[in-house]
mmCIF file of all heavy atoms, coordinates in Angstrom:
data_MODEL
# 
_entry.id   MODEL 
# 
loop_
_atom_site.group_PDB 
_atom_site.id 
_atom_site.type_symbol 
_atom_site.label_atom_id 
_atom_site.label_alt_id 
_atom_site.label_comp_id 
_atom_site.label_asym_id 
_atom_site.label_entity_id 
_atom_site.label_seq_id 
_atom_site.pdbx_PDB_ins_code 
_atom_site.Cartn_x 
_atom_site.Cartn_y 
_atom_site.Cartn_z 
_atom_site.occupancy 
_atom_site.B_iso_or_equiv 
_atom_site.pdbx_formal_charge 
_atom_site.auth_seq_id 
_atom_site.auth_comp_id 
_atom_site.auth_asym_id 
_atom_site.auth_atom_id 
_atom_site.pdbx_PDB_model_num 
ATOM 1   N N   . LYS A 1 1  ? -72.294 135.071 26.704 1.00 0.00 ? 1  LYS A N   1 
ATOM 2   C CA  . LYS A 1 1  ? -72.850 134.634 25.399 1.00 0.00 ? 1  LYS A CA  1 
ATOM 3   C C   . LYS A 1 1  ? -73.501 135.855 24.780 1.00 0.00 ? 1  LYS A C   1 
ATOM 4   O O   . LYS A 1 1  ? -74.118 136.608 25.392 1.00 0.00 ? 1  LYS A O   1 
ATOM 5   C CB  . LYS A 1 1  ? -73.798 133.531 25.651 1.00 0.00 ? 1  LYS A CB  1 
ATOM 6   C CG  . LYS A 1 1  ? -73.161 132.275 26.084 1.00 0.00 ? 1  LYS A CG  1 
ATOM 7   C CD  . LYS A 1 1  ? -74.129 131.148 26.253 1.00 0.00 ? 1  LYS A CD  1 
ATOM 8   C CE  . LYS A 1 1  ? -73.527 129.908 26.579 1.00 0.00 ? 1  LYS A CE  1 
ATOM 9   N NZ  . LYS A 1 1  ? -73.053 129.044 27.231 1.00 0.00 ? 1  LYS A NZ  1 
ATOM 10  N N   . PHE A 1 2  ? -73.216 135.968 23.399 1.00 0.00 ? 2  PHE A N   1 
ATOM 11  C CA  . PHE A 1 2  ? -73.770 137.104 22.623 1.00 0.00 ? 2  PHE A CA  1 
ATOM 12  C C   . PHE A 1 2  ? -74.543 136.636 21.461 1.00 0.00 ? 2  PHE A C   1 
ATOM 13  O O   . PHE A 1 2  ? -74.158 135.643 20.792 1.00 0.00 ? 2  PHE A O   1 
ATOM 14  C CB  . PHE A 1 2  ? -72.556 137.922 22.157 1.00 0.00 ? 2  PHE A CB  1 
ATOM 15  C CG  . PHE A 1 2  ? -71.797 138.436 23.391 1.00 0.00 ? 2  PHE A CG  1 
ATOM 16  C CD1 . PHE A 1 2  ? -70.637 137.622 23.789 1.00 0.00 ? 2  PHE A CD1 1 
ATOM 17  C CD2 . PHE A 1 2  ? -72.055 139.622 24.041 1.00 0.00 ? 2  PHE A CD2 1 
ATOM 18  C CE1 . PHE A 1 2  ? -69.919 138.119 24.932 1.00 0.00 ? 2  PHE A CE1 1 
ATOM 19  C CE2 . PHE A 1 2  ? -71.293 140.129 25.155 1.00 0.00 ? 2  PHE A CE2 1 
ATOM 20  C CZ  . PHE A 1 2  ? -70.172 139.304 25.516 1.00 0.00 ? 2  PHE A CZ  1 
ATOM 21  N N   . CYS A 1 3  ? -75.478 137.481 20.995 1.00 0.00 ? 3  CYS A N   1 
ATOM 22  C CA  . CYS A 1 3  ? -76.198 137.134 19.790 1.00 0.00 ? 3  CYS A CA  1 
ATOM 23  C C   . CYS A 1 3  ? -75.327 137.592 18.617 1.00 0.00 ? 3  CYS A C   1 
ATOM 24  O O   . CYS A 1 3  ? -74.341 138.291 18.735 1.00 0.00 ? 3  CYS A O   1 
ATOM 25  C CB  . CYS A 1 3  ? -77.534 137.911 19.747 1.00 0.00 ? 3  CYS A CB  1 
ATOM 26  S SG  . CYS A 1 3  ? -77.468 139.706 19.652 1.00 0.00 ? 3  CYS A SG  1 
ATOM 27  N N   . ASN A 1 4  ? -75.813 137.178 17.334 1.00 0.00 ? 4  ASN A N   1 
ATOM 28  C CA  . ASN A 1 4  ? -74.846 137.462 16.158 1.00 0.00 ? 4  ASN A CA  1 
ATOM 29  C C   . ASN A 1 4  ? -74.755 138.920 15.850 1.00 0.00 ? 4  ASN A C   1 
ATOM 30  O O   . ASN A 1 4  ? -73.909 139.374 15.274 1.00 0.00 ? 4  ASN A O   1 
ATOM 31  C CB  . ASN A 1 4  ? -75.422 136.631 15.020 1.00 0.00 ? 4  ASN A CB  1 
ATOM 32  C CG  . ASN A 1 4  ? -76.818 136.996 14.556 1.00 0.00 ? 4  ASN A CG  1 
ATOM 33  O OD1 . ASN A 1 4  ? -77.574 137.708 15.365 1.00 0.00 ? 4  ASN A OD1 1 
ATOM 34  N ND2 . ASN A 1 4  ? -77.335 136.522 13.448 1.00 0.00 ? 4  ASN A ND2 1 
ATOM 35  N N   . ILE A 1 5  ? -75.622 139.741 16.352 1.00 0.00 ? 5  ILE A N   1 
ATOM 36  C CA  . ILE A 1 5  ? -75.598 141.220 16.240 1.00 0.00 ? 5  ILE A CA  1 
ATOM 37  C C   . ILE A 1 5  ? -74.592 141.833 17.306 1.00 0.00 ? 5  ILE A C   1 
ATOM 38  O O   . ILE A 1 5  ? -73.822 142.644 16.928 1.00 0.00 ? 5  ILE A O   1 
ATOM 39  C CB  . ILE A 1 5  ? -77.039 141.837 16.375 1.00 0.00 ? 5  ILE A CB  1 
ATOM 40  C CG1 . ILE A 1 5  ? -77.913 141.393 15.232 1.00 0.00 ? 5  ILE A CG1 1 
ATOM 41  C CG2 . ILE A 1 5  ? -76.896 143.394 16.378 1.00 0.00 ? 5  ILE A CG2 1 
ATOM 42  C CD1 . ILE A 1 5  ? -79.381 141.780 15.456 1.00 0.00 ? 5  ILE A CD1 1 
ATOM 43  N N   . ASP A 1 6  ? -74.638 141.327 18.434 1.00 0.00 ? 6  ASP A N   1 
ATOM 44  C CA  . ASP A 1 6  ? -73.892 141.914 19.584 1.00 0.00 ? 6  ASP A CA  1 
ATOM 45  C C   . ASP A 1 6  ? -72.445 141.384 19.636 1.00 0.00 ? 6  ASP A C   1 
ATOM 46  O O   . ASP A 1 6  ? -71.541 141.988 20.184 1.00 0.00 ? 6  ASP A O   1 
ATOM 47  C CB  . ASP A 1 6  ? -74.636 141.852 20.912 1.00 0.00 ? 6  ASP A CB  1 
ATOM 48  C CG  . ASP A 1 6  ? -75.830 142.715 20.999 1.00 0.00 ? 6  ASP A CG  1 
ATOM 49  O OD1 . ASP A 1 6  ? -75.802 143.807 20.423 1.00 0.00 ? 6  ASP A OD1 1 
ATOM 50  O OD2 . ASP A 1 6  ? -76.729 142.352 21.647 1.00 0.00 ? 6  ASP A OD2 1 
ATOM 51  N N   . LEU A 1 7  ? -72.223 140.185 19.108 1.00 0.00 ? 7  LEU A N   1 
ATOM 52  C CA  . LEU A 1 7  ? -70.918 139.573 19.153 1.00 0.00 ? 7  LEU A CA  1 
ATOM 53  C C   . LEU A 1 7  ? -69.862 140.450 18.425 1.00 0.00 ? 7  LEU A C   1 
ATOM 54  O O   . LEU A 1 7  ? -68.737 140.753 19.033 1.00 0.00 ? 7  LEU A O   1 
ATOM 55  C CB  . LEU A 1 7  ? -70.815 138.194 18.679 1.00 0.00 ? 7  LEU A CB  1 
ATOM 56  C CG  . LEU A 1 7  ? -69.553 137.436 18.713 1.00 0.00 ? 7  LEU A CG  1 
ATOM 57  C CD1 . LEU A 1 7  ? -69.086 137.267 20.216 1.00 0.00 ? 7  LEU A CD1 1 
ATOM 58  C CD2 . LEU A 1 7  ? -69.522 136.072 18.012 1.00 0.00 ? 7  LEU A CD2 1 
ATOM 59  N N   . PRO A 1 8  ? -70.157 141.049 17.268 1.00 0.00 ? 8  PRO A N   1 
ATOM 60  C CA  . PRO A 1 8  ? -69.200 141.984 16.567 1.00 0.00 ? 8  PRO A CA  1 
ATOM 61  C C   . PRO A 1 8  ? -68.933 143.120 17.427 1.00 0.00 ? 8  PRO A C   1 
ATOM 62  O O   . PRO A 1 8  ? -67.792 143.680 17.488 1.00 0.00 ? 8  PRO A O   1 
ATOM 63  C CB  . PRO A 1 8  ? -69.787 142.298 15.188 1.00 0.00 ? 8  PRO A CB  1 
ATOM 64  C CG  . PRO A 1 8  ? -70.769 141.170 15.027 1.00 0.00 ? 8  PRO A CG  1 
ATOM 65  C CD  . PRO A 1 8  ? -71.215 140.654 16.369 1.00 0.00 ? 8  PRO A CD  1 
ATOM 66  N N   . LYS A 1 9  ? -69.974 143.685 18.082 1.00 0.00 ? 9  LYS A N   1 
ATOM 67  C CA  . LYS A 1 9  ? -69.767 144.868 18.967 1.00 0.00 ? 9  LYS A CA  1 
ATOM 68  C C   . LYS A 1 9  ? -68.914 144.592 20.174 1.00 0.00 ? 9  LYS A C   1 
ATOM 69  O O   . LYS A 1 9  ? -67.986 145.379 20.477 1.00 0.00 ? 9  LYS A O   1 
ATOM 70  C CB  . LYS A 1 9  ? -71.162 145.326 19.489 1.00 0.00 ? 9  LYS A CB  1 
ATOM 71  C CG  . LYS A 1 9  ? -72.120 145.949 18.496 1.00 0.00 ? 9  LYS A CG  1 
ATOM 72  C CD  . LYS A 1 9  ? -73.441 146.231 19.177 1.00 0.00 ? 9  LYS A CD  1 
ATOM 73  C CE  . LYS A 1 9  ? -74.554 146.641 18.192 1.00 0.00 ? 9  LYS A CE  1 
ATOM 74  N NZ  . LYS A 1 9  ? -75.844 146.848 18.799 1.00 0.00 ? 9  LYS A NZ  1 
ATOM 75  N N   . HIS A 1 10 ? -69.096 143.428 20.677 1.00 0.00 ? 10 HIS A N   1 
ATOM 76  C CA  . HIS A 1 10 ? -68.277 142.920 21.858 1.00 0.00 ? 10 HIS A CA  1 
ATOM 77  C C   . HIS A 1 10 ? -66.753 142.853 21.263 1.00 0.00 ? 10 HIS A C   1 
ATOM 78  O O   . HIS A 1 10 ? -65.825 143.267 21.950 1.00 0.00 ? 10 HIS A O   1 
ATOM 79  C CB  . HIS A 1 10 ? -68.714 141.670 22.346 1.00 0.00 ? 10 HIS A CB  1 
ATOM 80  C CG  . HIS A 1 10 ? -67.993 141.144 23.483 1.00 0.00 ? 10 HIS A CG  1 
ATOM 81  N ND1 . HIS A 1 10 ? -67.886 141.752 24.737 1.00 0.00 ? 10 HIS A ND1 1 
ATOM 82  C CD2 . HIS A 1 10 ? -67.183 139.944 23.711 1.00 0.00 ? 10 HIS A CD2 1 
ATOM 83  C CE1 . HIS A 1 10 ? -67.183 141.136 25.568 1.00 0.00 ? 10 HIS A CE1 1 
ATOM 84  N NE2 . HIS A 1 10 ? -66.706 139.979 24.988 1.00 0.00 ? 10 HIS A NE2 1 
ATOM 85  N N   . HIS A 1 11 ? -66.577 142.296 20.099 1.00 0.00 ? 11 HIS A N   1 
ATOM 86  C CA  . HIS A 1 11 ? -65.242 142.114 19.474 1.00 0.00 ? 11 HIS A CA  1 
ATOM 87  C C   . HIS A 1 11 ? -64.687 143.513 19.219 1.00 0.00 ? 11 HIS A C   1 
ATOM 88  O O   . HIS A 1 11 ? -63.576 143.728 19.447 1.00 0.00 ? 11 HIS A O   1 
ATOM 89  C CB  . HIS A 1 11 ? -65.269 141.339 18.244 1.00 0.00 ? 11 HIS A CB  1 
ATOM 90  C CG  . HIS A 1 11 ? -63.933 141.118 17.574 1.00 0.00 ? 11 HIS A CG  1 
ATOM 91  N ND1 . HIS A 1 11 ? -62.958 140.394 18.133 1.00 0.00 ? 11 HIS A ND1 1 
ATOM 92  C CD2 . HIS A 1 11 ? -63.452 141.665 16.411 1.00 0.00 ? 11 HIS A CD2 1 
ATOM 93  C CE1 . HIS A 1 11 ? -61.864 140.538 17.320 1.00 0.00 ? 11 HIS A CE1 1 
ATOM 94  N NE2 . HIS A 1 11 ? -62.220 141.284 16.289 1.00 0.00 ? 11 HIS A NE2 1 
ATOM 95  N N   . GLN A 1 12 ? -65.491 144.443 18.783 1.00 0.00 ? 12 GLN A N   1 
ATOM 96  C CA  . GLN A 1 12 ? -65.030 145.812 18.562 1.00 0.00 ? 12 GLN A CA  1 
ATOM 97  C C   . GLN A 1 12 ? -64.491 146.550 19.792 1.00 0.00 ? 12 GLN A C   1 
ATOM 98  O O   . GLN A 1 12 ? -63.551 147.206 19.715 1.00 0.00 ? 12 GLN A O   1 
ATOM 99  C CB  . GLN A 1 12 ? -66.149 146.733 17.808 1.00 0.00 ? 12 GLN A CB  1 
ATOM 100 C CG  . GLN A 1 12 ? -65.642 148.065 17.367 1.00 0.00 ? 12 GLN A CG  1 
ATOM 101 C CD  . GLN A 1 12 ? -64.503 147.981 16.325 1.00 0.00 ? 12 GLN A CD  1 
ATOM 102 O OE1 . GLN A 1 12 ? -64.454 147.089 15.588 1.00 0.00 ? 12 GLN A OE1 1 
ATOM 103 N NE2 . GLN A 1 12 ? -63.599 148.987 16.476 1.00 0.00 ? 12 GLN A NE2 1 
ATOM 104 N N   . GLU A 1 13 ? -65.149 146.272 20.926 1.00 0.00 ? 13 GLU A N   1 
ATOM 105 C CA  . GLU A 1 13 ? -64.666 146.755 22.201 1.00 0.00 ? 13 GLU A CA  1 
ATOM 106 C C   . GLU A 1 13 ? -63.282 146.290 22.465 1.00 0.00 ? 13 GLU A C   1 
ATOM 107 O O   . GLU A 1 13 ? -62.386 147.070 23.014 1.00 0.00 ? 13 GLU A O   1 
ATOM 108 C CB  . GLU A 1 13 ? -65.673 146.294 23.308 1.00 0.00 ? 13 GLU A CB  1 
ATOM 109 C CG  . GLU A 1 13 ? -66.911 147.058 23.292 1.00 0.00 ? 13 GLU A CG  1 
ATOM 110 C CD  . GLU A 1 13 ? -67.941 146.516 24.415 1.00 0.00 ? 13 GLU A CD  1 
ATOM 111 O OE1 . GLU A 1 13 ? -67.582 145.493 25.073 1.00 0.00 ? 13 GLU A OE1 1 
ATOM 112 O OE2 . GLU A 1 13 ? -69.013 146.948 24.507 1.00 0.00 ? 13 GLU A OE2 1 
ATOM 113 N N   . HIS A 1 14 ? -63.039 144.986 22.116 1.00 0.00 ? 14 HIS A N   1 
ATOM 114 C CA  . HIS A 1 14 ? -61.706 144.376 22.309 1.00 0.00 ? 14 HIS A CA  1 
ATOM 115 C C   . HIS A 1 14 ? -60.690 145.083 21.418 1.00 0.00 ? 14 HIS A C   1 
ATOM 116 O O   . HIS A 1 14 ? -59.582 145.383 21.843 1.00 0.00 ? 14 HIS A O   1 
ATOM 117 C CB  . HIS A 1 14 ? -61.734 142.950 22.046 1.00 0.00 ? 14 HIS A CB  1 
ATOM 118 C CG  . HIS A 1 14 ? -62.458 142.080 23.000 1.00 0.00 ? 14 HIS A CG  1 
ATOM 119 N ND1 . HIS A 1 14 ? -63.124 140.909 22.660 1.00 0.00 ? 14 HIS A ND1 1 
ATOM 120 C CD2 . HIS A 1 14 ? -62.828 142.269 24.313 1.00 0.00 ? 14 HIS A CD2 1 
ATOM 121 C CE1 . HIS A 1 14 ? -63.682 140.411 23.648 1.00 0.00 ? 14 HIS A CE1 1 
ATOM 122 N NE2 . HIS A 1 14 ? -63.734 141.285 24.651 1.00 0.00 ? 14 HIS A NE2 1 
ATOM 123 N N   . VAL A 1 15 ? -61.030 145.380 20.154 1.00 0.00 ? 15 VAL A N   1 
ATOM 124 C CA  . VAL A 1 15 ? -60.216 146.016 19.213 1.00 0.00 ? 15 VAL A CA  1 
ATOM 125 C C   . VAL A 1 15 ? -59.806 147.465 19.667 1.00 0.00 ? 15 VAL A C   1 
ATOM 126 O O   . VAL A 1 15 ? -58.693 147.771 19.636 1.00 0.00 ? 15 VAL A O   1 
ATOM 127 C CB  . VAL A 1 15 ? -60.965 146.128 17.832 1.00 0.00 ? 15 VAL A CB  1 
ATOM 128 C CG1 . VAL A 1 15 ? -60.158 147.060 16.827 1.00 0.00 ? 15 VAL A CG1 1 
ATOM 129 C CG2 . VAL A 1 15 ? -61.067 144.773 17.139 1.00 0.00 ? 15 VAL A CG2 1 
ATOM 130 N N   . VAL A 1 16 ? -60.810 148.198 20.207 1.00 0.00 ? 16 VAL A N   1 
ATOM 131 C CA  . VAL A 1 16 ? -60.483 149.520 20.730 1.00 0.00 ? 16 VAL A CA  1 
ATOM 132 C C   . VAL A 1 16 ? -59.609 149.412 21.882 1.00 0.00 ? 16 VAL A C   1 
ATOM 133 O O   . VAL A 1 16 ? -58.697 150.228 22.102 1.00 0.00 ? 16 VAL A O   1 
ATOM 134 C CB  . VAL A 1 16 ? -61.912 150.196 21.173 1.00 0.00 ? 16 VAL A CB  1 
ATOM 135 C CG1 . VAL A 1 16 ? -61.625 151.455 22.003 1.00 0.00 ? 16 VAL A CG1 1 
ATOM 136 C CG2 . VAL A 1 16 ? -62.734 150.481 19.949 1.00 0.00 ? 16 VAL A CG2 1 
ATOM 137 N N   . GLU A 1 17 ? -59.813 148.512 22.840 1.00 0.00 ? 17 GLU A N   1 
ATOM 138 C CA  . GLU A 1 17 ? -59.001 148.306 23.958 1.00 0.00 ? 17 GLU A CA  1 
ATOM 139 C C   . GLU A 1 17 ? -57.563 147.961 23.543 1.00 0.00 ? 17 GLU A C   1 
ATOM 140 O O   . GLU A 1 17 ? -56.578 148.423 24.156 1.00 0.00 ? 17 GLU A O   1 
ATOM 141 C CB  . GLU A 1 17 ? -59.567 147.250 24.899 1.00 0.00 ? 17 GLU A CB  1 
ATOM 142 C CG  . GLU A 1 17 ? -58.935 147.246 26.338 1.00 0.00 ? 17 GLU A CG  1 
ATOM 143 C CD  . GLU A 1 17 ? -59.135 148.510 27.074 1.00 0.00 ? 17 GLU A CD  1 
ATOM 144 O OE1 . GLU A 1 17 ? -60.195 149.178 26.937 1.00 0.00 ? 17 GLU A OE1 1 
ATOM 145 O OE2 . GLU A 1 17 ? -58.209 148.898 27.778 1.00 0.00 ? 17 GLU A OE2 1 
ATOM 146 N N   . LEU A 1 18 ? -57.448 147.069 22.561 1.00 0.00 ? 18 LEU A N   1 
ATOM 147 C CA  . LEU A 1 18 ? -56.084 146.654 22.020 1.00 0.00 ? 18 LEU A CA  1 
ATOM 148 C C   . LEU A 1 18 ? -55.379 147.901 21.563 1.00 0.00 ? 18 LEU A C   1 
ATOM 149 O O   . LEU A 1 18 ? -54.209 148.082 21.744 1.00 0.00 ? 18 LEU A O   1 
ATOM 150 C CB  . LEU A 1 18 ? -56.232 145.606 20.977 1.00 0.00 ? 18 LEU A CB  1 
ATOM 151 C CG  . LEU A 1 18 ? -54.937 145.113 20.459 1.00 0.00 ? 18 LEU A CG  1 
ATOM 152 C CD1 . LEU A 1 18 ? -54.060 144.456 21.558 1.00 0.00 ? 18 LEU A CD1 1 
ATOM 153 C CD2 . LEU A 1 18 ? -55.180 144.085 19.294 1.00 0.00 ? 18 LEU A CD2 1 
ATOM 154 N N   . GLU A 1 19 ? -56.139 148.732 20.790 1.00 0.00 ? 19 GLU A N   1 
ATOM 155 C CA  . GLU A 1 19 ? -55.542 149.969 20.201 1.00 0.00 ? 19 GLU A CA  1 
ATOM 156 C C   . GLU A 1 19 ? -55.003 150.882 21.307 1.00 0.00 ? 19 GLU A C   1 
ATOM 157 O O   . GLU A 1 19 ? -53.997 151.510 21.121 1.00 0.00 ? 19 GLU A O   1 
ATOM 158 C CB  . GLU A 1 19 ? -56.478 150.713 19.356 1.00 0.00 ? 19 GLU A CB  1 
ATOM 159 C CG  . GLU A 1 19 ? -56.659 150.259 17.884 1.00 0.00 ? 19 GLU A CG  1 
ATOM 160 C CD  . GLU A 1 19 ? -55.271 150.161 17.249 1.00 0.00 ? 19 GLU A CD  1 
ATOM 161 O OE1 . GLU A 1 19 ? -54.588 151.037 17.204 1.00 0.00 ? 19 GLU A OE1 1 
ATOM 162 O OE2 . GLU A 1 19 ? -54.953 149.001 16.697 1.00 0.00 ? 19 GLU A OE2 1 
ATOM 163 N N   . LYS A 1 20 ? -55.685 150.942 22.429 1.00 0.00 ? 20 LYS A N   1 
ATOM 164 C CA  . LYS A 1 20 ? -55.254 151.768 23.577 1.00 0.00 ? 20 LYS A CA  1 
ATOM 165 C C   . LYS A 1 20 ? -53.907 151.345 24.101 1.00 0.00 ? 20 LYS A C   1 
ATOM 166 O O   . LYS A 1 20 ? -52.978 151.966 24.421 1.00 0.00 ? 20 LYS A O   1 
ATOM 167 C CB  . LYS A 1 20 ? -56.266 151.732 24.692 1.00 0.00 ? 20 LYS A CB  1 
ATOM 168 C CG  . LYS A 1 20 ? -57.512 152.681 24.426 1.00 0.00 ? 20 LYS A CG  1 
ATOM 169 C CD  . LYS A 1 20 ? -58.482 152.612 25.608 1.00 0.00 ? 20 LYS A CD  1 
ATOM 170 C CE  . LYS A 1 20 ? -59.701 153.356 25.386 1.00 0.00 ? 20 LYS A CE  1 
ATOM 171 N NZ  . LYS A 1 20 ? -60.720 153.228 26.433 1.00 0.00 ? 20 LYS A NZ  1 
ATOM 172 N N   . ILE A 1 21 ? -53.847 149.914 24.247 1.00 0.00 ? 21 ILE A N   1 
ATOM 173 C CA  . ILE A 1 21 ? -52.573 149.305 24.688 1.00 0.00 ? 21 ILE A CA  1 
ATOM 174 C C   . ILE A 1 21 ? -51.447 149.497 23.745 1.00 0.00 ? 21 ILE A C   1 
ATOM 175 O O   . ILE A 1 21 ? -50.432 149.883 24.098 1.00 0.00 ? 21 ILE A O   1 
ATOM 176 C CB  . ILE A 1 21 ? -52.810 147.734 24.903 1.00 0.00 ? 21 ILE A CB  1 
ATOM 177 C CG1 . ILE A 1 21 ? -53.832 147.508 26.070 1.00 0.00 ? 21 ILE A CG1 1 
ATOM 178 C CG2 . ILE A 1 21 ? -51.499 147.057 25.181 1.00 0.00 ? 21 ILE A CG2 1 
ATOM 179 C CD1 . ILE A 1 21 ? -54.282 146.095 26.263 1.00 0.00 ? 21 ILE A CD1 1 
ATOM 180 N N   . VAL A 1 22 ? -51.717 149.363 22.384 1.00 0.00 ? 22 VAL A N   1 
ATOM 181 C CA  . VAL A 1 22 ? -50.704 149.744 21.365 1.00 0.00 ? 22 VAL A CA  1 
ATOM 182 C C   . VAL A 1 22 ? -50.244 151.114 21.459 1.00 0.00 ? 22 VAL A C   1 
ATOM 183 O O   . VAL A 1 22 ? -49.033 151.357 21.422 1.00 0.00 ? 22 VAL A O   1 
ATOM 184 C CB  . VAL A 1 22 ? -51.224 149.339 19.943 1.00 0.00 ? 22 VAL A CB  1 
ATOM 185 C CG1 . VAL A 1 22 ? -50.290 149.905 18.873 1.00 0.00 ? 22 VAL A CG1 1 
ATOM 186 C CG2 . VAL A 1 22 ? -51.465 147.880 19.726 1.00 0.00 ? 22 VAL A CG2 1 
ATOM 187 N N   . ASN A 1 23 ? -51.186 152.060 21.694 1.00 0.00 ? 23 ASN A N   1 
ATOM 188 C CA  . ASN A 1 23 ? -50.791 153.500 21.692 1.00 0.00 ? 23 ASN A CA  1 
ATOM 189 C C   . ASN A 1 23 ? -49.956 153.750 22.983 1.00 0.00 ? 23 ASN A C   1 
ATOM 190 O O   . ASN A 1 23 ? -49.020 154.481 22.911 1.00 0.00 ? 23 ASN A O   1 
ATOM 191 C CB  . ASN A 1 23 ? -52.063 154.382 21.858 1.00 0.00 ? 23 ASN A CB  1 
ATOM 192 C CG  . ASN A 1 23 ? -52.762 154.536 20.441 1.00 0.00 ? 23 ASN A CG  1 
ATOM 193 O OD1 . ASN A 1 23 ? -52.086 154.277 19.457 1.00 0.00 ? 23 ASN A OD1 1 
ATOM 194 N ND2 . ASN A 1 23 ? -54.027 154.807 20.454 1.00 0.00 ? 23 ASN A ND2 1 
ATOM 195 N N   . ASP A 1 24 ? -50.338 153.220 24.145 1.00 0.00 ? 24 ASP A N   1 
ATOM 196 C CA  . ASP A 1 24 ? -49.581 153.354 25.320 1.00 0.00 ? 24 ASP A CA  1 
ATOM 197 C C   . ASP A 1 24 ? -48.175 152.663 25.178 1.00 0.00 ? 24 ASP A C   1 
ATOM 198 O O   . ASP A 1 24 ? -47.141 153.282 25.603 1.00 0.00 ? 24 ASP A O   1 
ATOM 199 C CB  . ASP A 1 24 ? -50.217 152.576 26.506 1.00 0.00 ? 24 ASP A CB  1 
ATOM 200 C CG  . ASP A 1 24 ? -51.458 153.352 26.967 1.00 0.00 ? 24 ASP A CG  1 
ATOM 201 O OD1 . ASP A 1 24 ? -51.619 154.563 26.652 1.00 0.00 ? 24 ASP A OD1 1 
ATOM 202 O OD2 . ASP A 1 24 ? -52.250 152.835 27.836 1.00 0.00 ? 24 ASP A OD2 1 
ATOM 203 N N   . CYS A 1 25 ? -48.081 151.566 24.438 1.00 0.00 ? 25 CYS A N   1 
ATOM 204 C CA  . CYS A 1 25 ? -46.786 150.992 24.180 1.00 0.00 ? 25 CYS A CA  1 
ATOM 205 C C   . CYS A 1 25 ? -45.912 151.890 23.307 1.00 0.00 ? 25 CYS A C   1 
ATOM 206 O O   . CYS A 1 25 ? -44.743 152.026 23.512 1.00 0.00 ? 25 CYS A O   1 
ATOM 207 C CB  . CYS A 1 25 ? -47.009 149.670 23.467 1.00 0.00 ? 25 CYS A CB  1 
ATOM 208 S SG  . CYS A 1 25 ? -45.511 148.737 23.201 1.00 0.00 ? 25 CYS A SG  1 
ATOM 209 N N   . ASP A 1 26 ? -46.572 152.470 22.312 1.00 0.00 ? 26 ASP A N   1 
ATOM 210 C CA  . ASP A 1 26 ? -45.849 153.408 21.365 1.00 0.00 ? 26 ASP A CA  1 
ATOM 211 C C   . ASP A 1 26 ? -45.369 154.614 22.186 1.00 0.00 ? 26 ASP A C   1 
ATOM 212 O O   . ASP A 1 26 ? -44.252 155.049 21.955 1.00 0.00 ? 26 ASP A O   1 
ATOM 213 C CB  . ASP A 1 26 ? -46.744 153.910 20.268 1.00 0.00 ? 26 ASP A CB  1 
ATOM 214 C CG  . ASP A 1 26 ? -46.943 152.808 19.216 1.00 0.00 ? 26 ASP A CG  1 
ATOM 215 O OD1 . ASP A 1 26 ? -46.291 151.722 19.270 1.00 0.00 ? 26 ASP A OD1 1 
ATOM 216 O OD2 . ASP A 1 26 ? -47.974 152.936 18.409 1.00 0.00 ? 26 ASP A OD2 1 
ATOM 217 N N   . LYS A 1 27 ? -46.121 155.162 23.100 1.00 0.00 ? 27 LYS A N   1 
ATOM 218 C CA  . LYS A 1 27 ? -45.687 156.315 23.935 1.00 0.00 ? 27 LYS A CA  1 
ATOM 219 C C   . LYS A 1 27 ? -44.527 155.891 24.788 1.00 0.00 ? 27 LYS A C   1 
ATOM 220 O O   . LYS A 1 27 ? -43.558 156.763 24.896 1.00 0.00 ? 27 LYS A O   1 
ATOM 221 C CB  . LYS A 1 27 ? -46.905 156.667 24.787 1.00 0.00 ? 27 LYS A CB  1 
ATOM 222 C CG  . LYS A 1 27 ? -48.017 157.563 23.997 1.00 0.00 ? 27 LYS A CG  1 
ATOM 223 C CD  . LYS A 1 27 ? -49.133 157.868 24.938 1.00 0.00 ? 27 LYS A CD  1 
ATOM 224 C CE  . LYS A 1 27 ? -50.217 158.475 24.152 1.00 0.00 ? 27 LYS A CE  1 
ATOM 225 N NZ  . LYS A 1 27 ? -51.366 158.904 25.060 1.00 0.00 ? 27 LYS A NZ  1 
ATOM 226 N N   . LEU A 1 28 ? -44.609 154.704 25.333 1.00 0.00 ? 28 LEU A N   1 
ATOM 227 C CA  . LEU A 1 28 ? -43.481 154.325 26.212 1.00 0.00 ? 28 LEU A CA  1 
ATOM 228 C C   . LEU A 1 28 ? -42.221 154.167 25.391 1.00 0.00 ? 28 LEU A C   1 
ATOM 229 O O   . LEU A 1 28 ? -41.145 154.614 25.814 1.00 0.00 ? 28 LEU A O   1 
ATOM 230 C CB  . LEU A 1 28 ? -43.852 152.965 26.879 1.00 0.00 ? 28 LEU A CB  1 
ATOM 231 C CG  . LEU A 1 28 ? -42.684 152.372 27.778 1.00 0.00 ? 28 LEU A CG  1 
ATOM 232 C CD1 . LEU A 1 28 ? -42.290 153.379 28.922 1.00 0.00 ? 28 LEU A CD1 1 
ATOM 233 C CD2 . LEU A 1 28 ? -43.206 150.993 28.277 1.00 0.00 ? 28 LEU A CD2 1 
ATOM 234 N N   . GLN A 1 29 ? -42.330 153.660 24.239 1.00 0.00 ? 29 GLN A N   1 
ATOM 235 C CA  . GLN A 1 29 ? -41.174 153.437 23.350 1.00 0.00 ? 29 GLN A CA  1 
ATOM 236 C C   . GLN A 1 29 ? -40.645 154.766 22.962 1.00 0.00 ? 29 GLN A C   1 
ATOM 237 O O   . GLN A 1 29 ? -39.358 154.973 22.885 1.00 0.00 ? 29 GLN A O   1 
ATOM 238 C CB  . GLN A 1 29 ? -41.531 152.664 22.129 1.00 0.00 ? 29 GLN A CB  1 
ATOM 239 C CG  . GLN A 1 29 ? -40.371 152.248 21.228 1.00 0.00 ? 29 GLN A CG  1 
ATOM 240 C CD  . GLN A 1 29 ? -40.679 151.341 20.143 1.00 0.00 ? 29 GLN A CD  1 
ATOM 241 O OE1 . GLN A 1 29 ? -41.897 151.326 19.676 1.00 0.00 ? 29 GLN A OE1 1 
ATOM 242 N NE2 . GLN A 1 29 ? -39.862 150.461 19.622 1.00 0.00 ? 29 GLN A NE2 1 
# 
């Protein structure tokens, strides 16, 4: 559970992680 200030930070961590996966996928392709 996250407060309204930290929930967007937590979501941003997911966004960064997703970008890493997208980059790895692009490299593989």
